[in-house]
Amino acid sequence: MTTATAPAPTTATGASPHLLRWLLRLHRPALYVWTATVLVLAAALLWLGGPLTDAAVTGWRQYDACRGATRCAYDQDAILRYKDVYTYTTWAVLALPLLVAGWAGAALIGGELESGTAHLAWTQGVSPTRWLAAKLAVPGALTAVGTALLVVLHRRAWLAGEHGIDTAKPWSSLETFYANGPLPVALALAGLTAGALVGLAKRRALAALVDGLSATLALWGTVQLAVPRLYPAVTTYTGLRHDGPAGSGITLDSGVVTADGTRVPDVFCGSAEYPRCRAVYDKLDAVGFYSTYHPSSHYWPLQWTGTGIVLAVAVLSAVAAFTLIARRTARKANTV
């Protein structure tokens, strides 16, 4: 009579407590770095959305009151400090997916396969599939929570200065658009799964680092190009007496329309009220301006469209990673 061994209990992430402790102990430095990064950026964003914004708003009010005066004092340092901190924190939030992708490829997967640590875990009663599940679930949860917190704080800081700071970035600027919504969270998760996949494929830390970063950058570039064109844009037409194409937001195309309906790229001349511009438009047989763009009401549809695409890529990368590790371990088992 044989006695069946009860399976080890699992946590909410699907990893056994023993495997979870192993994972956290092995990657403790990365956990410390991630926690410190999130805390420092969170503190900077809270500072940005509070005292820095208040000081910059006051500085701009002083500056606006100075218009027309020959001599006037305003807090220029506060305005410049707000601009610098906003720029640095925004790009830091956007860089998080690259940080996650590089670490996932180089240390989480590629480094462990290269050093043999992964194979040691597999000999301790942990199956390769469960090992990979823990590798994705625990860092994935920490990545999603940390990135989401920073995105919320960034949006809060941006909203605080939107109407009080004359040089505040518009919602449609590239860095603000991406840092203010759920896309960085999805990109971070896609970076994690992409790094894991290339780590399994390369089984070398340096190669996985390079390929993980490259894959995430390629995904990010594709999203920037594709998302504005996957959601229907708005096209407006105005007369030539306007200063140029109308419409504020993410512009996809703009120019002049000729009498036969042909669209010509914008010549950037201005209103037909100017004789020089009138001559240019007459030569083109232009009758008006056109602009194809996404207004502010399209912000969330664009965000969710991009987020859905990136999450789908993350899921496909994870499925490919599980398929790859299952095939490799099955092949090794058959050769034994």
C-alpha atoms as a PDB file:
ATOM      1  CA  MET A   1       0.000   0.000   0.000  1.00  0.00           C
ATOM      2  CA  THR A   2       1.394   3.354  -1.005  1.00  0.00           C
ATOM      3  CA  THR A   3       0.697   6.700   0.594  1.00  0.00           C
ATOM      4  CA  ALA A   4      -0.086   9.626  -1.689  1.00  0.00           C
ATOM      5  CA  THR A   5       1.779  12.830  -1.022  1.00  0.00           C
ATOM      6  CA  ALA A   6      -0.435  15.878  -0.688  1.00  0.00           C
ATOM      7  CA  PRO A   7       0.491  18.707  -3.037  1.00  0.00           C
ATOM      8  CA  ALA A   8       2.021  21.765  -1.475  1.00  0.00           C
ATOM      9  CA  PRO A   9      -0.501  24.531  -0.799  1.00  0.00           C
ATOM     10  CA  THR A  10      -0.405  27.422  -3.207  1.00  0.00           C
ATOM     11  CA  THR A  11      -0.764  31.147  -2.717  1.00  0.00           C
ATOM     12  CA  ALA A  12      -3.077  33.454  -4.627  1.00  0.00           C
ATOM     13  CA  THR A  13      -0.377  33.782  -7.266  1.00  0.00           C
ATOM     14  CA  GLY A  14      -0.283  30.041  -7.876  1.00  0.00           C
ATOM     15  CA  ALA A  15       3.129  29.566  -6.263  1.00  0.00           C
ATOM     16  CA  SER A  16       3.736  27.388  -3.214  1.00  0.00           C
ATOM     17  CA  PRO A  17       4.978  29.217  -0.090  1.00  0.00           C
ATOM     18  CA  HIS A  18       8.342  27.460  -0.473  1.00  0.00           C
ATOM     19  CA  LEU A  19       8.677  28.598  -4.085  1.00  0.00           C
ATOM     20  CA  LEU A  20       7.522  32.103  -3.207  1.00  0.00           C
ATOM     21  CA  ARG A  21      10.161  32.391  -0.457  1.00  0.00           C
ATOM     22  CA  TRP A  22      12.795  31.057  -2.882  1.00  0.00           C
ATOM     23  CA  LEU A  23      11.796  33.613  -5.502  1.00  0.00           C
ATOM     24  CA  LEU A  24      11.796  36.581  -3.112  1.00  0.00           C
ATOM     25  CA  ARG A  25      15.106  35.539  -1.537  1.00  0.00           C
ATOM     26  CA  LEU A  26      16.803  34.984  -4.876  1.00  0.00           C
ATOM     27  CA  HIS A  27      15.675  38.321  -6.324  1.00  0.00           C
ATOM     28  CA  ARG A  28      15.756  40.357  -3.133  1.00  0.00           C
ATOM     29  CA  PRO A  29      18.042  43.057  -4.625  1.00  0.00           C
ATOM     30  CA  ALA A  30      15.630  43.582  -7.525  1.00  0.00           C
ATOM     31  CA  LEU A  31      12.719  43.814  -5.087  1.00  0.00           C
ATOM     32  CA  TYR A  32      14.573  46.461  -3.088  1.00  0.00           C
ATOM     33  CA  VAL A  33      15.441  48.434  -6.220  1.00  0.00           C
ATOM     34  CA  TRP A  34      11.846  48.278  -7.515  1.00  0.00           C
ATOM     35  CA  THR A  35      10.408  49.329  -4.153  1.00  0.00           C
ATOM     36  CA  ALA A  36      12.887  52.202  -3.837  1.00  0.00           C
ATOM     37  CA  THR A  37      12.181  53.334  -7.404  1.00  0.00           C
ATOM     38  CA  VAL A  38       8.429  53.379  -6.855  1.00  0.00           C
ATOM     39  CA  LEU A  39       8.718  55.177  -3.512  1.00  0.00           C
ATOM     40  CA  VAL A  40      11.113  57.841  -4.832  1.00  0.00           C
ATOM     41  CA  LEU A  41       8.994  58.497  -7.915  1.00  0.00           C
ATOM     42  CA  ALA A  42       5.806  58.542  -5.829  1.00  0.00           C
ATOM     43  CA  ALA A  43       7.336  61.117  -3.475  1.00  0.00           C
ATOM     44  CA  ALA A  44       8.487  63.231  -6.432  1.00  0.00           C
ATOM     45  CA  LEU A  45       5.030  63.102  -8.032  1.00  0.00           C
ATOM     46  CA  LEU A  46       3.341  64.049  -4.756  1.00  0.00           C
ATOM     47  CA  TRP A  47       5.749  66.986  -4.488  1.00  0.00           C
ATOM     48  CA  LEU A  48       5.054  67.886  -8.119  1.00  0.00           C
ATOM     49  CA  GLY A  49       1.279  67.804  -7.700  1.00  0.00           C
ATOM     50  CA  GLY A  50       1.359  69.762  -4.442  1.00  0.00           C
ATOM     51  CA  PRO A  51       3.938  72.398  -3.417  1.00  0.00           C
ATOM     52  CA  LEU A  52       5.651  72.589  -6.820  1.00  0.00           C
ATOM     53  CA  THR A  53       2.394  73.157  -8.682  1.00  0.00           C
ATOM     54  CA  ASP A  54       1.206  75.734  -6.138  1.00  0.00           C
ATOM     55  CA  ALA A  55       4.473  77.668  -6.432  1.00  0.00           C
ATOM     56  CA  ALA A  56       4.435  77.515 -10.255  1.00  0.00           C
ATOM     57  CA  VAL A  57       0.797  78.667 -10.419  1.00  0.00           C
ATOM     58  CA  THR A  58       1.668  81.619  -8.180  1.00  0.00           C
ATOM     59  CA  GLY A  59       4.665  82.394 -10.383  1.00  0.00           C
ATOM     60  CA  TRP A  60       2.520  82.435 -13.516  1.00  0.00           C
ATOM     61  CA  ARG A  61      -0.052  84.683 -11.857  1.00  0.00           C
ATOM     62  CA  GLN A  62       2.730  87.097 -11.000  1.00  0.00           C
ATOM     63  CA  TYR A  63       4.033  86.926 -14.557  1.00  0.00           C
ATOM     64  CA  ASP A  64       0.579  87.519 -16.086  1.00  0.00           C
ATOM     65  CA  ALA A  65       0.113  90.532 -13.828  1.00  0.00           C
ATOM     66  CA  CYS A  66       3.394  91.916 -15.163  1.00  0.00           C
ATOM     67  CA  ARG A  67       2.293  92.084 -18.794  1.00  0.00           C
ATOM     68  CA  GLY A  68       2.984  95.544 -20.162  1.00  0.00           C
ATOM     69  CA  ALA A  69       5.173  96.542 -17.224  1.00  0.00           C
ATOM     70  CA  THR A  70       8.766  97.592 -17.858  1.00  0.00           C
ATOM     71  CA  ARG A  71      10.030  96.083 -14.594  1.00  0.00           C
ATOM     72  CA  CYS A  72       8.357  93.327 -12.622  1.00  0.00           C
ATOM     73  CA  ALA A  73       9.329  90.444 -10.342  1.00  0.00           C
ATOM     74  CA  TYR A  74       7.931  86.928 -10.543  1.00  0.00           C
ATOM     75  CA  ASP A  75       9.063  83.544  -9.289  1.00  0.00           C
ATOM     76  CA  GLN A  76      10.786  82.231 -12.410  1.00  0.00           C
ATOM     77  CA  ASP A  77      12.657  79.558 -10.445  1.00  0.00           C
ATOM     78  CA  ALA A  78       9.380  77.946  -9.353  1.00  0.00           C
ATOM     79  CA  ILE A  79       8.164  77.793 -12.951  1.00  0.00           C
ATOM     80  CA  LEU A  80      11.402  76.245 -14.214  1.00  0.00           C
ATOM     81  CA  ARG A  81      11.571  73.819 -11.283  1.00  0.00           C
ATOM     82  CA  TYR A  82       8.046  72.575 -12.034  1.00  0.00           C
ATOM     83  CA  LYS A  83       8.944  72.086 -15.708  1.00  0.00           C
ATOM     84  CA  ASP A  84      12.107  70.124 -14.908  1.00  0.00           C
ATOM     85  CA  VAL A  85      10.529  67.842 -12.307  1.00  0.00           C
ATOM     86  CA  TYR A  86       7.523  67.198 -14.562  1.00  0.00           C
ATOM     87  CA  THR A  87       9.793  66.223 -17.451  1.00  0.00           C
ATOM     88  CA  TYR A  88      12.020  63.938 -15.375  1.00  0.00           C
ATOM     89  CA  THR A  89       9.186  62.151 -13.568  1.00  0.00           C
ATOM     90  CA  THR A  90       7.161  61.699 -16.753  1.00  0.00           C
ATOM     91  CA  TRP A  91       9.991  60.023 -18.643  1.00  0.00           C
ATOM     92  CA  ALA A  92      10.851  57.968 -15.567  1.00  0.00           C
ATOM     93  CA  VAL A  93       7.300  56.558 -15.520  1.00  0.00           C
ATOM     94  CA  LEU A  94       7.539  55.795 -19.223  1.00  0.00           C
ATOM     95  CA  ALA A  95      10.895  54.050 -18.731  1.00  0.00           C
ATOM     96  CA  LEU A  96       9.513  51.539 -16.217  1.00  0.00           C
ATOM     97  CA  PRO A  97       8.410  48.990 -18.876  1.00  0.00           C
ATOM     98  CA  LEU A  98      11.968  48.950 -20.234  1.00  0.00           C
ATOM     99  CA  LEU A  99      13.381  48.442 -16.749  1.00  0.00           C
ATOM    100  CA  VAL A 100      11.020  45.518 -16.176  1.00  0.00           C
ATOM    101  CA  ALA A 101      11.750  43.964 -19.584  1.00  0.00           C
ATOM    102  CA  GLY A 102      15.514  44.173 -19.127  1.00  0.00           C
ATOM    103  CA  TRP A 103      15.386  42.667 -15.645  1.00  0.00           C
ATOM    104  CA  ALA A 104      12.974  39.895 -16.660  1.00  0.00           C
ATOM    105  CA  GLY A 105      15.177  38.813 -19.542  1.00  0.00           C
ATOM    106  CA  ALA A 106      18.579  39.238 -17.914  1.00  0.00           C
ATOM    107  CA  ALA A 107      18.011  38.156 -14.298  1.00  0.00           C
ATOM    108  CA  LEU A 108      14.572  36.626 -13.782  1.00  0.00           C
ATOM    109  CA  ILE A 109      14.775  34.028 -16.566  1.00  0.00           C
ATOM    110  CA  GLY A 110      17.917  34.252 -18.693  1.00  0.00           C
ATOM    111  CA  GLY A 111      20.280  34.629 -15.751  1.00  0.00           C
ATOM    112  CA  GLU A 112      18.788  31.712 -13.820  1.00  0.00           C
ATOM    113  CA  LEU A 113      18.941  29.426 -16.844  1.00  0.00           C
ATOM    114  CA  GLU A 114      22.519  30.459 -17.556  1.00  0.00           C
ATOM    115  CA  SER A 115      23.684  29.925 -13.957  1.00  0.00           C
ATOM    116  CA  GLY A 116      21.759  26.682 -13.480  1.00  0.00           C
ATOM    117  CA  THR A 117      19.611  28.028 -10.630  1.00  0.00           C
ATOM    118  CA  ALA A 118      16.449  27.173 -12.540  1.00  0.00           C
ATOM    119  CA  HIS A 119      17.508  23.547 -13.012  1.00  0.00           C
ATOM    120  CA  LEU A 120      18.301  23.330  -9.304  1.00  0.00           C
ATOM    121  CA  ALA A 121      14.755  24.454  -8.485  1.00  0.00           C
ATOM    122  CA  TRP A 122      13.352  21.848 -10.858  1.00  0.00           C
ATOM    123  CA  THR A 123      15.192  19.108  -8.962  1.00  0.00           C
ATOM    124  CA  GLN A 124      13.607  20.255  -5.675  1.00  0.00           C
ATOM    125  CA  GLY A 125      10.101  19.127  -6.614  1.00  0.00           C
ATOM    126  CA  VAL A 126       9.146  22.292  -8.513  1.00  0.00           C
ATOM    127  CA  SER A 127       7.964  21.636 -12.041  1.00  0.00           C
ATOM    128  CA  PRO A 128       9.226  23.946 -14.811  1.00  0.00           C
ATOM    129  CA  THR A 129       5.663  25.105 -15.482  1.00  0.00           C
ATOM    130  CA  ARG A 130       5.041  26.020 -11.847  1.00  0.00           C
ATOM    131  CA  TRP A 131       8.458  27.670 -11.710  1.00  0.00           C
ATOM    132  CA  LEU A 132       7.601  29.863 -14.701  1.00  0.00           C
ATOM    133  CA  ALA A 133       4.121  30.616 -13.337  1.00  0.00           C
ATOM    134  CA  ALA A 134       5.632  31.939 -10.108  1.00  0.00           C
ATOM    135  CA  LYS A 135       8.220  33.898 -12.100  1.00  0.00           C
ATOM    136  CA  LEU A 136       5.459  35.696 -13.970  1.00  0.00           C
ATOM    137  CA  ALA A 137       2.747  35.967 -11.314  1.00  0.00           C
ATOM    138  CA  VAL A 138       4.681  37.465  -8.390  1.00  0.00           C
ATOM    139  CA  PRO A 139       6.719  40.039 -10.365  1.00  0.00           C
ATOM    140  CA  GLY A 140       3.633  40.725 -12.496  1.00  0.00           C
ATOM    141  CA  ALA A 141       1.568  41.651  -9.448  1.00  0.00           C
ATOM    142  CA  LEU A 142       4.321  43.885  -8.046  1.00  0.00           C
ATOM    143  CA  THR A 143       4.884  45.480 -11.451  1.00  0.00           C
ATOM    144  CA  ALA A 144       1.201  46.203 -12.036  1.00  0.00           C
ATOM    145  CA  VAL A 145       0.608  47.669  -8.570  1.00  0.00           C
ATOM    146  CA  GLY A 146       3.729  49.851  -8.609  1.00  0.00           C
ATOM    147  CA  THR A 147       3.233  51.167 -12.138  1.00  0.00           C
ATOM    148  CA  ALA A 148      -0.485  51.814 -11.601  1.00  0.00           C
ATOM    149  CA  LEU A 149       0.265  53.817  -8.448  1.00  0.00           C
ATOM    150  CA  LEU A 150       2.735  56.027 -10.311  1.00  0.00           C
ATOM    151  CA  VAL A 151       0.351  56.536 -13.230  1.00  0.00           C
ATOM    152  CA  VAL A 152      -2.410  57.669 -10.845  1.00  0.00           C
ATOM    153  CA  LEU A 153      -0.048  60.077  -9.085  1.00  0.00           C
ATOM    154  CA  HIS A 154       1.234  61.410 -12.406  1.00  0.00           C
ATOM    155  CA  ARG A 155      -2.277  62.106 -13.661  1.00  0.00           C
ATOM    156  CA  ARG A 156      -3.119  63.793 -10.363  1.00  0.00           C
ATOM    157  CA  ALA A 157      -0.055  66.036 -10.674  1.00  0.00           C
ATOM    158  CA  TRP A 158      -0.867  66.911 -14.295  1.00  0.00           C
ATOM    159  CA  LEU A 159      -4.478  67.785 -13.486  1.00  0.00           C
ATOM    160  CA  ALA A 160      -3.327  70.031 -10.624  1.00  0.00           C
ATOM    161  CA  GLY A 161      -1.390  72.278 -13.012  1.00  0.00           C
ATOM    162  CA  GLU A 162      -3.471  71.926 -16.190  1.00  0.00           C
ATOM    163  CA  HIS A 163      -5.313  75.259 -15.945  1.00  0.00           C
ATOM    164  CA  GLY A 164      -2.977  77.274 -13.738  1.00  0.00           C
ATOM    165  CA  ILE A 165       0.372  76.819 -15.504  1.00  0.00           C
ATOM    166  CA  ASP A 166       0.634  78.442 -18.925  1.00  0.00           C
ATOM    167  CA  THR A 167       3.355  76.061 -20.126  1.00  0.00           C
ATOM    168  CA  ALA A 168       1.742  72.867 -18.777  1.00  0.00           C
ATOM    169  CA  LYS A 169       1.872  70.021 -21.271  1.00  0.00           C
ATOM    170  CA  PRO A 170      -1.414  69.423 -23.137  1.00  0.00           C
ATOM    171  CA  TRP A 171      -3.105  66.047 -22.826  1.00  0.00           C
ATOM    172  CA  SER A 172      -2.135  65.247 -26.417  1.00  0.00           C
ATOM    173  CA  SER A 173       1.639  65.624 -26.010  1.00  0.00           C
ATOM    174  CA  LEU A 174       3.331  62.265 -26.511  1.00  0.00           C
ATOM    175  CA  GLU A 175       4.823  61.819 -23.052  1.00  0.00           C
ATOM    176  CA  THR A 176       1.784  63.151 -21.172  1.00  0.00           C
ATOM    177  CA  PHE A 177      -0.674  61.044 -23.158  1.00  0.00           C
ATOM    178  CA  TYR A 178       1.117  57.802 -22.334  1.00  0.00           C
ATOM    179  CA  ALA A 179       2.059  58.585 -18.731  1.00  0.00           C
ATOM    180  CA  ASN A 180      -1.481  59.616 -17.759  1.00  0.00           C
ATOM    181  CA  GLY A 181      -3.323  56.385 -18.571  1.00  0.00           C
ATOM    182  CA  PRO A 182      -3.264  52.597 -18.187  1.00  0.00           C
ATOM    183  CA  LEU A 183      -0.938  52.012 -21.143  1.00  0.00           C
ATOM    184  CA  PRO A 184       2.298  52.064 -19.066  1.00  0.00           C
ATOM    185  CA  VAL A 185       0.854  49.340 -16.828  1.00  0.00           C
ATOM    186  CA  ALA A 186       0.052  47.161 -19.831  1.00  0.00           C
ATOM    187  CA  LEU A 187       3.458  47.904 -21.361  1.00  0.00           C
ATOM    188  CA  ALA A 188       5.204  46.931 -18.124  1.00  0.00           C
ATOM    189  CA  LEU A 189       3.374  43.583 -18.074  1.00  0.00           C
ATOM    190  CA  ALA A 190       4.161  43.055 -21.756  1.00  0.00           C
ATOM    191  CA  GLY A 191       7.793  43.880 -20.998  1.00  0.00           C
ATOM    192  CA  LEU A 192       7.781  41.247 -18.254  1.00  0.00           C
ATOM    193  CA  THR A 193       6.378  38.488 -20.468  1.00  0.00           C
ATOM    194  CA  ALA A 194       8.520  39.513 -23.448  1.00  0.00           C
ATOM    195  CA  GLY A 195      11.628  39.445 -21.255  1.00  0.00           C
ATOM    196  CA  ALA A 196      10.655  36.039 -19.930  1.00  0.00           C
ATOM    197  CA  LEU A 197      10.093  34.687 -23.423  1.00  0.00           C
ATOM    198  CA  VAL A 198      13.430  35.873 -24.802  1.00  0.00           C
ATOM    199  CA  GLY A 199      15.135  34.690 -21.605  1.00  0.00           C
ATOM    200  CA  LEU A 200      13.807  31.193 -22.219  1.00  0.00           C
ATOM    201  CA  ALA A 201      14.756  31.381 -25.896  1.00  0.00           C
ATOM    202  CA  LYS A 202      18.280  32.744 -25.405  1.00  0.00           C
ATOM    203  CA  ARG A 203      19.156  31.237 -21.999  1.00  0.00           C
ATOM    204  CA  ARG A 204      21.851  33.901 -21.689  1.00  0.00           C
ATOM    205  CA  ALA A 205      21.519  36.975 -19.478  1.00  0.00           C
ATOM    206  CA  LEU A 206      23.112  39.564 -21.790  1.00  0.00           C
ATOM    207  CA  ALA A 207      21.376  38.362 -24.950  1.00  0.00           C
ATOM    208  CA  ALA A 208      18.028  38.263 -23.146  1.00  0.00           C
ATOM    209  CA  LEU A 209      18.604  41.776 -21.790  1.00  0.00           C
ATOM    210  CA  VAL A 210      19.195  43.201 -25.264  1.00  0.00           C
ATOM    211  CA  ASP A 211      16.352  41.310 -26.919  1.00  0.00           C
ATOM    212  CA  GLY A 212      13.900  42.048 -24.110  1.00  0.00           C
ATOM    213  CA  LEU A 213      14.580  45.771 -24.351  1.00  0.00           C
ATOM    214  CA  SER A 214      14.386  45.669 -28.140  1.00  0.00           C
ATOM    215  CA  ALA A 215      11.086  43.800 -28.157  1.00  0.00           C
ATOM    216  CA  THR A 216       9.511  46.218 -25.675  1.00  0.00           C
ATOM    217  CA  LEU A 217      10.767  49.259 -27.589  1.00  0.00           C
ATOM    218  CA  ALA A 218       9.395  47.803 -30.821  1.00  0.00           C
ATOM    219  CA  LEU A 219       6.016  47.179 -29.191  1.00  0.00           C
ATOM    220  CA  TRP A 220       5.940  50.711 -27.815  1.00  0.00           C
ATOM    221  CA  GLY A 221       6.777  52.213 -31.205  1.00  0.00           C
ATOM    222  CA  THR A 222       4.134  50.095 -32.921  1.00  0.00           C
ATOM    223  CA  VAL A 223       1.496  51.191 -30.409  1.00  0.00           C
ATOM    224  CA  GLN A 224       2.345  54.866 -30.938  1.00  0.00           C
ATOM    225  CA  LEU A 225       1.954  54.500 -34.694  1.00  0.00           C
ATOM    226  CA  ALA A 226      -1.055  52.190 -34.738  1.00  0.00           C
ATOM    227  CA  VAL A 227      -3.394  53.275 -31.942  1.00  0.00           C
ATOM    228  CA  PRO A 228      -4.316  56.755 -33.305  1.00  0.00           C
ATOM    229  CA  ARG A 229      -5.200  55.080 -36.603  1.00  0.00           C
ATOM    230  CA  LEU A 230      -7.242  52.226 -35.149  1.00  0.00           C
ATOM    231  CA  TYR A 231      -9.860  54.524 -33.631  1.00  0.00           C
ATOM    232  CA  PRO A 232     -11.978  56.749 -35.942  1.00  0.00           C
ATOM    233  CA  ALA A 233     -10.660  60.314 -36.066  1.00  0.00           C
ATOM    234  CA  VAL A 234     -12.531  63.579 -36.636  1.00  0.00           C
ATOM    235  CA  THR A 235     -12.063  65.713 -39.760  1.00  0.00           C
ATOM    236  CA  THR A 236     -12.924  69.432 -39.766  1.00  0.00           C
ATOM    237  CA  TYR A 237     -12.966  71.891 -42.656  1.00  0.00           C
ATOM    238  CA  THR A 238     -12.481  75.650 -42.405  1.00  0.00           C
ATOM    239  CA  GLY A 239     -12.232  78.522 -44.847  1.00  0.00           C
ATOM    240  CA  LEU A 240      -9.025  80.056 -46.055  1.00  0.00           C
ATOM    241  CA  ARG A 241      -9.578  83.172 -43.969  1.00  0.00           C
ATOM    242  CA  HIS A 242      -8.606  81.191 -40.881  1.00  0.00           C
ATOM    243  CA  ASP A 243      -4.962  81.103 -39.830  1.00  0.00           C
ATOM    244  CA  GLY A 244      -4.721  77.444 -40.776  1.00  0.00           C
ATOM    245  CA  PRO A 245      -6.313  74.045 -40.160  1.00  0.00           C
ATOM    246  CA  ALA A 246      -8.541  73.982 -37.073  1.00  0.00           C
ATOM    247  CA  GLY A 247      -8.741  71.304 -34.403  1.00  0.00           C
ATOM    248  CA  SER A 248      -6.855  70.701 -31.194  1.00  0.00           C
ATOM    249  CA  GLY A 249      -5.638  67.265 -30.154  1.00  0.00           C
ATOM    250  CA  ILE A 250      -3.618  64.452 -31.687  1.00  0.00           C
ATOM    251  CA  THR A 251      -3.295  65.504 -35.327  1.00  0.00           C
ATOM    252  CA  LEU A 252      -3.016  62.758 -37.927  1.00  0.00           C
ATOM    253  CA  ASP A 253      -3.164  64.863 -41.085  1.00  0.00           C
ATOM    254  CA  SER A 254      -3.800  68.474 -42.083  1.00  0.00           C
ATOM    255  CA  GLY A 255      -3.510  70.722 -45.115  1.00  0.00           C
ATOM    256  CA  VAL A 256      -5.591  72.474 -47.746  1.00  0.00           C
ATOM    257  CA  VAL A 257      -8.444  71.243 -49.926  1.00  0.00           C
ATOM    258  CA  THR A 258      -8.576  72.171 -53.617  1.00  0.00           C
ATOM    259  CA  ALA A 259     -11.682  72.916 -55.658  1.00  0.00           C
ATOM    260  CA  ASP A 260     -11.845  69.335 -56.967  1.00  0.00           C
ATOM    261  CA  GLY A 261     -11.604  67.866 -53.441  1.00  0.00           C
ATOM    262  CA  THR A 262      -7.930  66.947 -53.550  1.00  0.00           C
ATOM    263  CA  ARG A 263      -6.090  67.227 -50.243  1.00  0.00           C
ATOM    264  CA  VAL A 264      -2.714  68.948 -50.354  1.00  0.00           C
ATOM    265  CA  PRO A 265      -0.211  68.950 -47.458  1.00  0.00           C
ATOM    266  CA  ASP A 266      -0.215  72.088 -45.342  1.00  0.00           C
ATOM    267  CA  VAL A 267       1.952  74.848 -46.822  1.00  0.00           C
ATOM    268  CA  PHE A 268       2.080  76.629 -43.432  1.00  0.00           C
ATOM    269  CA  CYS A 269       1.408  80.062 -44.887  1.00  0.00           C
ATOM    270  CA  GLY A 270      -1.500  81.306 -42.804  1.00  0.00           C
ATOM    271  CA  SER A 271      -4.698  83.155 -43.600  1.00  0.00           C
ATOM    272  CA  ALA A 272      -5.665  84.099 -47.143  1.00  0.00           C
ATOM    273  CA  GLU A 273      -6.066  87.636 -45.802  1.00  0.00           C
ATOM    274  CA  TYR A 274      -2.328  88.014 -46.462  1.00  0.00           C
ATOM    275  CA  PRO A 275      -1.698  88.742 -50.161  1.00  0.00           C
ATOM    276  CA  ARG A 276       1.319  86.423 -50.275  1.00  0.00           C
ATOM    277  CA  CYS A 277      -0.720  83.511 -48.901  1.00  0.00           C
ATOM    278  CA  ARG A 278      -3.655  84.348 -51.163  1.00  0.00           C
ATOM    279  CA  ALA A 279      -1.339  83.964 -54.152  1.00  0.00           C
ATOM    280  CA  VAL A 280      -0.107  80.594 -52.878  1.00  0.00           C
ATOM    281  CA  TYR A 281      -3.662  79.289 -52.416  1.00  0.00           C
ATOM    282  CA  ASP A 282      -4.774  80.600 -55.811  1.00  0.00           C
ATOM    283  CA  LYS A 283      -1.908  78.719 -57.408  1.00  0.00           C
ATOM    284  CA  LEU A 284      -3.057  75.510 -55.677  1.00  0.00           C
ATOM    285  CA  ASP A 285      -6.721  76.252 -56.467  1.00  0.00           C
ATOM    286  CA  ALA A 286      -7.345  75.816 -52.725  1.00  0.00           C
ATOM    287  CA  VAL A 287     -10.759  76.504 -51.226  1.00  0.00           C
ATOM    288  CA  GLY A 288     -10.208  75.683 -47.547  1.00  0.00           C
ATOM    289  CA  PHE A 289      -8.257  73.932 -44.813  1.00  0.00           C
ATOM    290  CA  TYR A 290      -8.808  70.442 -43.430  1.00  0.00           C
ATOM    291  CA  SER A 291      -7.584  68.709 -40.268  1.00  0.00           C
ATOM    292  CA  THR A 292      -7.931  65.070 -39.207  1.00  0.00           C
ATOM    293  CA  TYR A 293      -7.345  64.677 -35.492  1.00  0.00           C
ATOM    294  CA  HIS A 294      -8.422  63.135 -32.200  1.00  0.00           C
ATOM    295  CA  PRO A 295     -10.092  65.626 -29.820  1.00  0.00           C
ATOM    296  CA  SER A 296      -9.866  65.336 -26.025  1.00  0.00           C
ATOM    297  CA  SER A 297     -13.078  63.254 -25.967  1.00  0.00           C
ATOM    298  CA  HIS A 298     -11.111  60.462 -27.672  1.00  0.00           C
ATOM    299  CA  TYR A 299      -8.565  60.220 -24.870  1.00  0.00           C
ATOM    300  CA  TRP A 300     -10.013  57.221 -23.038  1.00  0.00           C
ATOM    301  CA  PRO A 301     -11.092  55.295 -26.166  1.00  0.00           C
ATOM    302  CA  LEU A 302      -7.517  55.628 -27.459  1.00  0.00           C
ATOM    303  CA  GLN A 303      -6.074  54.583 -24.102  1.00  0.00           C
ATOM    304  CA  TRP A 304      -8.258  51.506 -23.785  1.00  0.00           C
ATOM    305  CA  THR A 305      -7.685  50.527 -27.412  1.00  0.00           C
ATOM    306  CA  GLY A 306      -3.926  50.645 -26.910  1.00  0.00           C
ATOM    307  CA  THR A 307      -4.140  48.934 -23.532  1.00  0.00           C
ATOM    308  CA  GLY A 308      -6.189  46.088 -24.972  1.00  0.00           C
ATOM    309  CA  ILE A 309      -3.694  45.524 -27.777  1.00  0.00           C
ATOM    310  CA  VAL A 310      -0.688  45.538 -25.442  1.00  0.00           C
ATOM    311  CA  LEU A 311      -2.358  43.204 -22.934  1.00  0.00           C
ATOM    312  CA  ALA A 312      -3.157  40.813 -25.781  1.00  0.00           C
ATOM    313  CA  VAL A 313       0.531  40.846 -26.715  1.00  0.00           C
ATOM    314  CA  ALA A 314       1.436  40.191 -23.071  1.00  0.00           C
ATOM    315  CA  VAL A 315      -0.896  37.189 -22.937  1.00  0.00           C
ATOM    316  CA  LEU A 316       0.425  35.790 -26.209  1.00  0.00           C
ATOM    317  CA  SER A 317       4.011  36.200 -24.980  1.00  0.00           C
ATOM    318  CA  ALA A 318       3.149  34.361 -21.766  1.00  0.00           C
ATOM    319  CA  VAL A 319       1.456  31.532 -23.679  1.00  0.00           C
ATOM    320  CA  ALA A 320       4.477  31.269 -25.971  1.00  0.00           C
ATOM    321  CA  ALA A 321       6.789  31.142 -22.929  1.00  0.00           C
ATOM    322  CA  PHE A 322       4.805  28.305 -21.312  1.00  0.00           C
ATOM    323  CA  THR A 323       4.690  26.430 -24.628  1.00  0.00           C
ATOM    324  CA  LEU A 324       8.430  26.788 -25.090  1.00  0.00           C
ATOM    325  CA  ILE A 325       9.375  25.588 -21.612  1.00  0.00           C
ATOM    326  CA  ALA A 326       6.944  22.660 -21.844  1.00  0.00           C
ATOM    327  CA  ARG A 327       8.400  21.507 -25.148  1.00  0.00           C
ATOM    328  CA  ARG A 328      11.994  21.817 -23.983  1.00  0.00           C
ATOM    329  CA  THR A 329      11.474  19.925 -20.733  1.00  0.00           C
ATOM    330  CA  ALA A 330       9.420  17.249 -22.527  1.00  0.00           C
ATOM    331  CA  ARG A 331      12.198  16.831 -25.086  1.00  0.00           C
ATOM    332  CA  LYS A 332      14.806  16.442 -22.350  1.00  0.00           C
ATOM    333  CA  ALA A 333      12.624  13.928 -20.514  1.00  0.00           C
ATOM    334  CA  ASN A 334      12.283  11.842 -23.679  1.00  0.00           C
ATOM    335  CA  THR A 335      16.038  11.758 -24.197  1.00  0.00           C
ATOM    336  CA  VAL A 336      16.738  10.499 -20.689  1.00  0.00           C
END
